[in-house]
């Protein structure tokens, strides 16, 4: 299992898809991506059927991370929201996620409970409070190969200048990767890339507030990671609505059968052949 550091030093930006569960992680790996983002919003939506309003717990994120680690060797970047409390809670969260298989742990400076980065009515904690959480996170990790990502939501609450200032403070405090959430113009996206040192992530949300610029442009600006946290989840929602809706209306799947993976593909994705081999190996 290669670490995330090698991906951060390349000449091109790395495209980073989000997984809400182990099945999505399998498909991401099979598709050929180099790393996986374990999305807090996606886990909340898919596992709880609830919005991204800080309703998920640290234990639930750690459990989902462990399930995903069981099925893939790709590096995992895990969304740890606000650390689920103060600096001491953050330490416990970091330790739990590192044990579960996280290679990068993302922390953000919203108040708790947090809100989706593209929702309204967010609030951020004082920068110094976030800095202490980052110090706690750096102290808590068992290995220096586990990286800490610092996200700021201050662009929405205090403007892009404050967000850039905070991102710089967080890098100085020990964050290995910075993440300014919600820049609203191409000019602001470029400013962040120029003004904040070190590896940077940008989050592109379909229907969100940040312009969906091409990967090549973002790489040229200086972003190391380009995140599509919930594109797969949004695609799955649409597919479920189409197939279930047709089934309810018509009582069959004849006109939407092309929207389904066939039975053999389903077994291939979950690697049933490996389980068949193991079953044969251990059969008495």
Protein backbone atom coordinates (compact mmCIF):
# COMPACT_ATOMS: atom_id res chain seq x y z
CA UNK A 1 0.00 0.00 0.00
CA UNK A 2 1.62 3.22 -1.15
CA UNK A 3 1.23 6.28 1.01
CA UNK A 4 -0.31 9.55 -0.05
CA UNK A 5 2.99 11.48 0.07
CA UNK A 6 4.12 10.12 -3.28
CA UNK A 7 0.93 11.43 -4.89
CA UNK A 8 1.50 14.93 -3.53
CA UNK A 9 4.90 15.36 -5.17
CA UNK A 10 3.90 14.60 -8.76
CA UNK A 11 3.73 17.05 -11.61
CA UNK A 12 -0.02 16.66 -12.12
CA UNK A 13 -3.03 17.06 -9.88
CA UNK A 14 -4.51 13.83 -8.55
CA UNK A 15 -8.21 13.27 -9.16
CA UNK A 16 -9.80 12.15 -5.91
CA UNK A 17 -13.26 10.52 -5.88
CA UNK A 18 -15.33 10.09 -2.74
CA UNK A 19 -16.59 6.78 -1.34
CA UNK A 20 -19.58 6.53 0.99
CA UNK A 21 -19.11 2.79 1.57
CA UNK A 22 -16.94 -0.22 0.78
CA UNK A 23 -18.73 -1.03 -2.47
CA UNK A 24 -17.99 2.44 -3.84
CA UNK A 25 -14.37 2.04 -2.76
CA UNK A 26 -14.12 -1.23 -4.70
CA UNK A 27 -15.42 0.45 -7.84
CA UNK A 28 -13.09 3.43 -7.41
CA UNK A 29 -10.10 1.10 -7.17
CA UNK A 30 -11.25 -1.01 -10.13
CA UNK A 31 -11.67 2.17 -12.21
CA UNK A 32 -8.00 3.00 -11.73
CA UNK A 33 -7.94 5.93 -9.32
CA UNK A 34 -4.92 6.40 -7.07
CA UNK A 35 -6.59 7.31 -3.76
CA UNK A 36 -10.01 7.43 -2.11
CA UNK A 37 -11.74 10.12 -0.07
CA UNK A 38 -14.00 8.77 2.68
CA UNK A 39 -16.72 11.40 2.62
CA UNK A 40 -18.47 12.38 5.83
CA UNK A 41 -21.42 13.80 3.91
CA UNK A 42 -21.66 10.66 1.80
CA UNK A 43 -21.49 8.31 4.79
CA UNK A 44 -24.16 10.40 6.53
CA UNK A 45 -26.43 10.44 3.47
CA UNK A 46 -25.96 6.77 2.55
CA UNK A 47 -25.77 5.17 5.98
CA UNK A 48 -28.17 7.36 7.95
CA UNK A 49 -30.36 8.78 5.19
CA UNK A 50 -29.80 12.19 6.78
CA UNK A 51 -28.24 15.52 5.68
CA UNK A 52 -24.67 16.60 6.37
CA UNK A 53 -25.37 18.52 9.58
CA UNK A 54 -22.85 16.96 11.94
CA UNK A 55 -25.12 14.00 12.71
CA UNK A 56 -22.53 11.30 12.07
CA UNK A 57 -20.27 10.27 14.96
CA UNK A 58 -16.54 9.63 15.17
CA UNK A 59 -17.24 5.96 15.86
CA UNK A 60 -19.40 5.61 12.75
CA UNK A 61 -16.76 7.26 10.53
CA UNK A 62 -14.05 5.03 12.01
CA UNK A 63 -16.16 1.90 11.44
CA UNK A 64 -16.84 2.86 7.82
CA UNK A 65 -13.14 3.63 7.29
CA UNK A 66 -12.20 0.20 8.62
CA UNK A 67 -14.70 -1.48 6.28
CA UNK A 68 -13.27 0.41 3.32
CA UNK A 69 -9.70 -0.40 4.36
CA UNK A 70 -10.65 -4.09 4.38
CA UNK A 71 -11.44 -4.02 0.65
CA UNK A 72 -8.81 -1.71 -0.83
CA UNK A 73 -5.10 -0.99 -0.63
CA UNK A 74 -5.45 2.56 -1.95
CA UNK A 75 -4.55 5.48 0.33
CA UNK A 76 -7.57 6.77 2.27
CA UNK A 77 -8.21 10.43 2.98
CA UNK A 78 -10.83 10.53 5.72
CA UNK A 79 -13.20 13.39 6.53
CA UNK A 80 -13.13 13.84 10.33
CA UNK A 81 -15.34 16.95 10.39
CA UNK A 82 -14.36 19.14 13.35
CA UNK A 83 -12.61 16.32 15.22
CA UNK A 84 -15.97 15.77 16.95
CA UNK A 85 -15.28 18.16 19.80
CA UNK A 86 -12.36 20.00 21.35
CA UNK A 87 -8.62 19.29 21.09
CA UNK A 88 -8.87 16.22 23.31
CA UNK A 89 -11.75 14.81 21.28
CA UNK A 90 -9.68 15.50 18.17
CA UNK A 91 -6.80 13.46 19.54
CA UNK A 92 -9.07 10.49 20.16
CA UNK A 93 -10.59 10.85 16.69
CA UNK A 94 -7.17 10.93 15.02
CA UNK A 95 -6.02 7.82 16.87
CA UNK A 96 -9.19 5.93 16.00
CA UNK A 97 -9.05 6.85 12.32
CA UNK A 98 -5.35 6.06 12.05
CA UNK A 99 -5.98 2.61 13.53
CA UNK A 100 -8.86 2.15 11.08
CA UNK A 101 -6.57 2.75 8.11
CA UNK A 102 -6.67 6.48 7.33
CA UNK A 103 -3.61 7.82 5.55
CA UNK A 104 -4.80 11.43 5.72
CA UNK A 105 -7.17 12.84 8.34
CA UNK A 106 -9.07 16.01 7.46
CA UNK A 107 -10.10 18.48 10.17
CA UNK A 108 -12.08 21.67 9.70
CA UNK A 109 -12.60 24.93 11.57
CA UNK A 110 -16.40 25.05 11.69
CA UNK A 111 -18.24 25.16 14.97
CA UNK A 112 -19.66 21.86 16.18
CA UNK A 113 -21.95 20.45 14.90
CA UNK A 114 -20.70 21.35 11.44
CA UNK A 115 -22.67 21.85 8.23
CA UNK A 116 -21.96 20.85 4.64
CA UNK A 117 -19.43 23.25 3.14
CA UNK A 118 -21.94 24.33 0.49
CA UNK A 119 -24.84 24.97 2.91
CA UNK A 120 -25.70 28.40 4.26
CA UNK A 121 -25.54 29.58 7.90
CA UNK A 122 -22.12 28.16 8.74
CA UNK A 123 -19.93 29.46 11.55
CA UNK A 124 -16.22 29.01 12.25
CA UNK A 125 -14.31 28.82 15.51
CA UNK A 126 -11.51 31.29 16.27
CA UNK A 127 -8.39 30.46 14.30
CA UNK A 128 -6.42 29.85 17.49
CA UNK A 129 -8.87 27.15 18.56
CA UNK A 130 -8.37 25.35 15.28
CA UNK A 131 -4.60 25.72 15.60
CA UNK A 132 -4.71 23.97 18.98
CA UNK A 133 -6.74 21.15 17.44
CA UNK A 134 -4.09 20.78 14.74
CA UNK A 135 -1.35 20.65 17.37
CA UNK A 136 -3.34 17.95 19.17
CA UNK A 137 -3.83 16.02 15.92
CA UNK A 138 -0.12 16.13 15.05
CA UNK A 139 0.78 14.95 18.55
CA UNK A 140 -1.80 12.15 18.44
CA UNK A 141 -0.75 10.40 15.24
CA UNK A 142 1.35 7.31 15.76
CA UNK A 143 3.19 7.63 12.45
CA UNK A 144 4.54 10.61 10.58
CA UNK A 145 3.29 8.88 7.43
CA UNK A 146 -0.23 9.74 8.60
CA UNK A 147 -0.91 13.23 7.28
CA UNK A 148 -3.17 15.94 8.66
CA UNK A 149 -5.28 18.07 6.33
CA UNK A 150 -6.66 21.39 7.57
CA UNK A 151 -9.84 22.73 6.01
CA UNK A 152 -11.17 26.23 6.53
CA UNK A 153 -14.74 27.33 5.83
CA UNK A 154 -13.95 30.99 6.46
CA UNK A 155 -14.47 31.95 2.81
CA UNK A 156 -18.22 31.68 3.38
CA UNK A 157 -18.27 33.46 6.73
CA UNK A 158 -15.50 36.07 6.50
CA UNK A 159 -14.35 36.21 2.87
CA UNK A 160 -11.54 34.75 0.83
CA UNK A 161 -8.82 36.89 2.43
CA UNK A 162 -9.60 35.48 5.88
CA UNK A 163 -9.72 31.97 4.44
CA UNK A 164 -6.27 32.40 2.89
CA UNK A 165 -4.90 33.83 6.14
CA UNK A 166 -6.28 30.90 8.11
CA UNK A 167 -4.96 28.34 5.66
CA UNK A 168 -1.48 29.82 6.04
CA UNK A 169 -1.76 29.73 9.82
CA UNK A 170 -2.86 26.10 9.73
CA UNK A 171 0.05 25.08 7.52
CA UNK A 172 2.41 26.86 9.93
CA UNK A 173 0.75 24.97 12.81
CA UNK A 174 1.67 21.64 11.25
CA UNK A 175 -0.99 20.75 8.69
CA UNK A 176 0.50 18.73 5.84
CA UNK A 177 -2.24 19.64 3.34
CA UNK A 178 -4.49 22.71 3.19
CA UNK A 179 -8.09 22.88 1.99
CA UNK A 180 -9.96 26.16 1.48
CA UNK A 181 -13.61 25.22 1.08
CA UNK A 182 -15.97 27.14 -1.15
CA UNK A 183 -14.01 29.64 -3.28
CA UNK A 184 -16.65 31.12 -5.54
CA UNK A 185 -14.77 32.42 -8.58
CA UNK A 186 -11.90 31.21 -10.77
CA UNK A 187 -9.94 34.23 -9.55
CA UNK A 188 -10.36 33.18 -5.91
CA UNK A 189 -9.37 29.62 -6.76
CA UNK A 190 -6.16 30.92 -8.34
CA UNK A 191 -5.47 33.27 -5.40
CA UNK A 192 -5.64 30.42 -2.91
CA UNK A 193 -3.25 28.34 -5.00
CA UNK A 194 -0.75 31.19 -5.19
CA UNK A 195 -1.00 32.40 -1.60
CA UNK A 196 -0.94 29.18 0.42
CA UNK A 197 2.25 27.07 0.45
CA UNK A 198 2.48 23.31 0.30
CA UNK A 199 0.07 20.70 -1.03
CA UNK A 200 -3.51 21.91 -1.50
CA UNK A 201 -6.88 20.27 -2.12
CA UNK A 202 -9.86 21.79 -3.87
CA UNK A 203 -13.38 20.38 -3.55
CA UNK A 204 -15.68 20.46 -6.60
CA UNK A 205 -19.35 19.88 -5.82
CA UNK A 206 -21.90 19.44 -8.60
CA UNK A 207 -24.56 22.01 -7.73
CA UNK A 208 -22.25 23.67 -5.18
CA UNK A 209 -20.66 27.10 -4.94
CA UNK A 210 -17.23 26.46 -6.48
CA UNK A 211 -16.77 26.65 -10.28
CA UNK A 212 -16.08 23.24 -11.85
CA UNK A 213 -12.76 23.98 -13.52
CA UNK A 214 -10.87 21.33 -15.54
CA UNK A 215 -8.35 19.12 -13.77
CA UNK A 216 -5.50 20.36 -15.96
CA UNK A 217 -6.22 24.00 -15.10
CA UNK A 218 -6.31 23.28 -11.37
CA UNK A 219 -3.09 21.32 -11.60
CA UNK A 220 -1.41 24.19 -13.41
CA UNK A 221 -2.53 26.56 -10.67
CA UNK A 222 -0.80 24.38 -8.07
CA UNK A 223 -3.48 22.12 -6.59
CA UNK A 224 -2.25 18.64 -5.71
CA UNK A 225 -5.66 17.05 -5.11
CA UNK A 226 -8.95 17.68 -6.91
CA UNK A 227 -11.85 16.23 -4.97
CA UNK A 228 -15.24 15.11 -6.24
CA UNK A 229 -16.49 13.98 -2.84
CA UNK A 230 -20.04 12.96 -3.69
CA UNK A 231 -20.31 12.67 -7.47
CA UNK A 232 -20.67 8.90 -7.15
CA UNK A 233 -23.34 9.26 -4.50
CA UNK A 234 -25.30 11.72 -6.63
CA UNK A 235 -25.08 9.31 -9.58
CA UNK A 236 -26.30 6.46 -7.39
CA UNK A 237 -29.28 8.50 -6.16
CA UNK A 238 -30.35 9.24 -9.72
CA UNK A 239 -29.94 5.62 -10.81
CA UNK A 240 -31.98 4.35 -7.86
CA UNK A 241 -34.72 6.87 -8.52
CA UNK A 242 -34.90 5.91 -12.20
CA UNK A 243 -34.91 2.15 -11.67
CA UNK A 244 -37.20 2.05 -8.63
CA UNK A 245 -39.53 4.59 -10.23
CA UNK A 246 -39.82 2.54 -13.41
CA UNK A 247 -40.33 -0.67 -11.45
CA UNK A 248 -43.12 0.89 -9.39
CA UNK A 249 -44.85 2.41 -12.42
CA UNK A 250 -44.56 -0.52 -14.84
CA UNK A 251 -44.04 -3.58 -12.67
CA UNK A 252 -40.97 -4.68 -14.63
CA UNK A 253 -37.50 -3.51 -15.65
CA UNK A 254 -37.71 -4.08 -19.39
CA UNK A 255 -37.06 -0.49 -20.47
CA UNK A 256 -34.38 0.23 -17.85
CA UNK A 257 -32.54 -3.09 -17.86
CA UNK A 258 -29.57 -1.31 -19.46
CA UNK A 259 -29.25 0.75 -16.27
CA UNK A 260 -28.36 -2.33 -14.25
CA UNK A 261 -25.03 -4.10 -13.94
CA UNK A 262 -25.60 -7.72 -14.86
CA UNK A 263 -25.32 -10.50 -12.27
CA UNK A 264 -21.79 -11.51 -13.26
CA UNK A 265 -20.53 -7.91 -13.11
CA UNK A 266 -22.00 -7.53 -9.64
CA UNK A 267 -20.10 -10.62 -8.46
CA UNK A 268 -16.93 -9.37 -10.15
CA UNK A 269 -17.07 -6.02 -8.34
CA UNK A 270 -17.36 -7.69 -4.95
CA UNK A 271 -14.67 -10.23 -5.96
CA UNK A 272 -16.69 -13.35 -5.29
CA UNK A 273 -14.05 -15.45 -7.04
CA UNK A 274 -11.61 -14.66 -4.23
CA UNK A 275 -14.08 -15.92 -1.65
CA UNK A 276 -14.71 -19.03 -3.73
CA UNK A 277 -10.96 -19.68 -3.78
CA UNK A 278 -10.65 -19.20 -0.03
CA UNK A 279 -13.68 -21.38 0.64
CA UNK A 280 -12.10 -24.14 -1.43
CA UNK A 281 -8.74 -23.69 0.34
CA UNK A 282 -10.20 -24.08 3.82
CA UNK A 283 -12.77 -26.73 3.01
CA UNK A 284 -12.19 -29.90 5.04
